[in-house]
Amino acid sequence: MNLTEKSVENVDYMIEQIKEKLKVLNFGAIKPSHFDEEMYEELKDIYELVMKKNTFSPNEMQAIVEELGNLRKR
């Protein structure tokens, strides 16, 4: 997967990978359709951060989910 180019497919991929890595229980709360390419770089930064770590504290998970919420389409 080439994440250097902005695309809907890449947004979908990153969101799904973040959800899987964080073991998000409420999958309906985070959907790829909630994000657009306008926030691609910010989403990619979150994706890279999440992929680097093996475990997350509850505070880290909350901060990540809050940041994803900030990136959602209005």
C-alpha atoms as a PDB file:
ATOM      1  CA  MET A   1       0.000   0.000   0.000  1.00  0.00           C
ATOM      2  CA  ASN A   2       1.442   3.355  -1.052  1.00  0.00           C
ATOM      3  CA  LEU A   3       0.302   5.813   1.600  1.00  0.00           C
ATOM      4  CA  THR A   4       2.224   8.726   0.101  1.00  0.00           C
ATOM      5  CA  GLU A   5      -0.676   9.630  -2.173  1.00  0.00           C
ATOM      6  CA  LYS A   6      -3.973  10.981  -0.922  1.00  0.00           C
ATOM      7  CA  SER A   7      -6.857   8.714  -1.824  1.00  0.00           C
ATOM      8  CA  VAL A   8     -10.126   7.456  -0.403  1.00  0.00           C
ATOM      9  CA  GLU A   9      -8.723   3.929  -0.477  1.00  0.00           C
ATOM     10  CA  ASN A  10      -5.727   4.966   1.640  1.00  0.00           C
ATOM     11  CA  VAL A  11      -8.005   6.726   4.139  1.00  0.00           C
ATOM     12  CA  ASP A  12     -10.116   3.555   4.369  1.00  0.00           C
ATOM     13  CA  TYR A  13      -7.020   1.412   4.860  1.00  0.00           C
ATOM     14  CA  MET A  14      -5.518   3.603   7.584  1.00  0.00           C
ATOM     15  CA  ILE A  15      -8.774   3.866   9.541  1.00  0.00           C
ATOM     16  CA  GLU A  16      -9.286   0.096   9.409  1.00  0.00           C
ATOM     17  CA  GLN A  17      -5.709  -0.544  10.542  1.00  0.00           C
ATOM     18  CA  ILE A  18      -6.021   1.943  13.418  1.00  0.00           C
ATOM     19  CA  LYS A  19      -9.282   0.331  14.541  1.00  0.00           C
ATOM     20  CA  GLU A  20      -7.741  -3.131  14.416  1.00  0.00           C
ATOM     21  CA  LYS A  21      -4.586  -2.119  16.283  1.00  0.00           C
ATOM     22  CA  LEU A  22      -6.506  -0.262  18.996  1.00  0.00           C
ATOM     23  CA  LYS A  23      -9.103  -3.037  19.193  1.00  0.00           C
ATOM     24  CA  VAL A  24     -11.913  -0.516  18.952  1.00  0.00           C
ATOM     25  CA  LEU A  25     -15.053  -2.180  20.253  1.00  0.00           C
ATOM     26  CA  ASN A  26     -17.565   0.265  18.804  1.00  0.00           C
ATOM     27  CA  PHE A  27     -16.623  -0.087  15.138  1.00  0.00           C
ATOM     28  CA  GLY A  28     -19.567   2.071  14.105  1.00  0.00           C
ATOM     29  CA  ALA A  29     -18.077   5.038  15.930  1.00  0.00           C
ATOM     30  CA  ILE A  30     -15.118   5.252  13.557  1.00  0.00           C
ATOM     31  CA  LYS A  31     -15.896   4.835   9.875  1.00  0.00           C
ATOM     32  CA  PRO A  32     -13.679   5.675   6.921  1.00  0.00           C
ATOM     33  CA  SER A  33     -16.563   7.697   5.457  1.00  0.00           C
ATOM     34  CA  HIS A  34     -16.230  10.114   8.397  1.00  0.00           C
ATOM     35  CA  PHE A  35     -12.905  11.335   7.019  1.00  0.00           C
ATOM     36  CA  ASP A  36     -11.887  13.031   3.815  1.00  0.00           C
ATOM     37  CA  GLU A  37      -8.656  13.755   2.022  1.00  0.00           C
ATOM     38  CA  GLU A  38      -8.487  17.266   3.502  1.00  0.00           C
ATOM     39  CA  MET A  39      -7.149  15.780   6.734  1.00  0.00           C
ATOM     40  CA  TYR A  40      -4.989  13.141   5.057  1.00  0.00           C
ATOM     41  CA  GLU A  41      -1.633  14.202   6.502  1.00  0.00           C
ATOM     42  CA  GLU A  42      -2.997  14.421  10.046  1.00  0.00           C
ATOM     43  CA  LEU A  43      -4.646  11.013   9.692  1.00  0.00           C
ATOM     44  CA  LYS A  44      -1.413   9.564   8.324  1.00  0.00           C
ATOM     45  CA  ASP A  45       0.494  10.939  11.329  1.00  0.00           C
ATOM     46  CA  ILE A  46      -1.938   9.213  13.701  1.00  0.00           C
ATOM     47  CA  TYR A  47      -1.723   6.007  11.655  1.00  0.00           C
ATOM     48  CA  GLU A  48       2.094   6.006  11.817  1.00  0.00           C
ATOM     49  CA  LEU A  49       2.065   6.660  15.568  1.00  0.00           C
ATOM     50  CA  VAL A  50      -0.406   3.832  16.206  1.00  0.00           C
ATOM     51  CA  MET A  51       1.502   1.369  14.006  1.00  0.00           C
ATOM     52  CA  LYS A  52       4.797   2.051  15.846  1.00  0.00           C
ATOM     53  CA  LYS A  53       3.485   1.077  19.279  1.00  0.00           C
ATOM     54  CA  ASN A  54       2.542  -2.345  20.565  1.00  0.00           C
ATOM     55  CA  THR A  55       0.510  -1.272  23.589  1.00  0.00           C
ATOM     56  CA  PHE A  56      -1.437   1.809  24.593  1.00  0.00           C
ATOM     57  CA  SER A  57      -2.395   3.189  27.961  1.00  0.00           C
ATOM     58  CA  PRO A  58      -6.040   4.132  28.467  1.00  0.00           C
ATOM     59  CA  ASN A  59      -5.017   7.806  28.320  1.00  0.00           C
ATOM     60  CA  GLU A  60      -3.191   7.294  25.024  1.00  0.00           C
ATOM     61  CA  MET A  61      -6.181   5.493  23.533  1.00  0.00           C
ATOM     62  CA  GLN A  62      -8.499   8.266  24.652  1.00  0.00           C
ATOM     63  CA  ALA A  63      -6.211  10.910  23.158  1.00  0.00           C
ATOM     64  CA  ILE A  64      -6.023   9.051  19.836  1.00  0.00           C
ATOM     65  CA  VAL A  65      -9.785   8.600  19.641  1.00  0.00           C
ATOM     66  CA  GLU A  66     -10.308  12.273  20.531  1.00  0.00           C
ATOM     67  CA  GLU A  67      -7.884  13.342  17.823  1.00  0.00           C
ATOM     68  CA  LEU A  68      -9.658  11.137  15.279  1.00  0.00           C
ATOM     69  CA  GLY A  69     -12.897  12.787  16.385  1.00  0.00           C
ATOM     70  CA  ASN A  70     -11.350  16.202  15.718  1.00  0.00           C
ATOM     71  CA  LEU A  71     -10.469  15.117  12.177  1.00  0.00           C
ATOM     72  CA  ARG A  72     -13.971  13.940  11.295  1.00  0.00           C
ATOM     73  CA  LYS A  73     -15.909  15.749   8.601  1.00  0.00           C
ATOM     74  CA  ARG A  74     -18.177  18.430   9.952  1.00  0.00           C
END
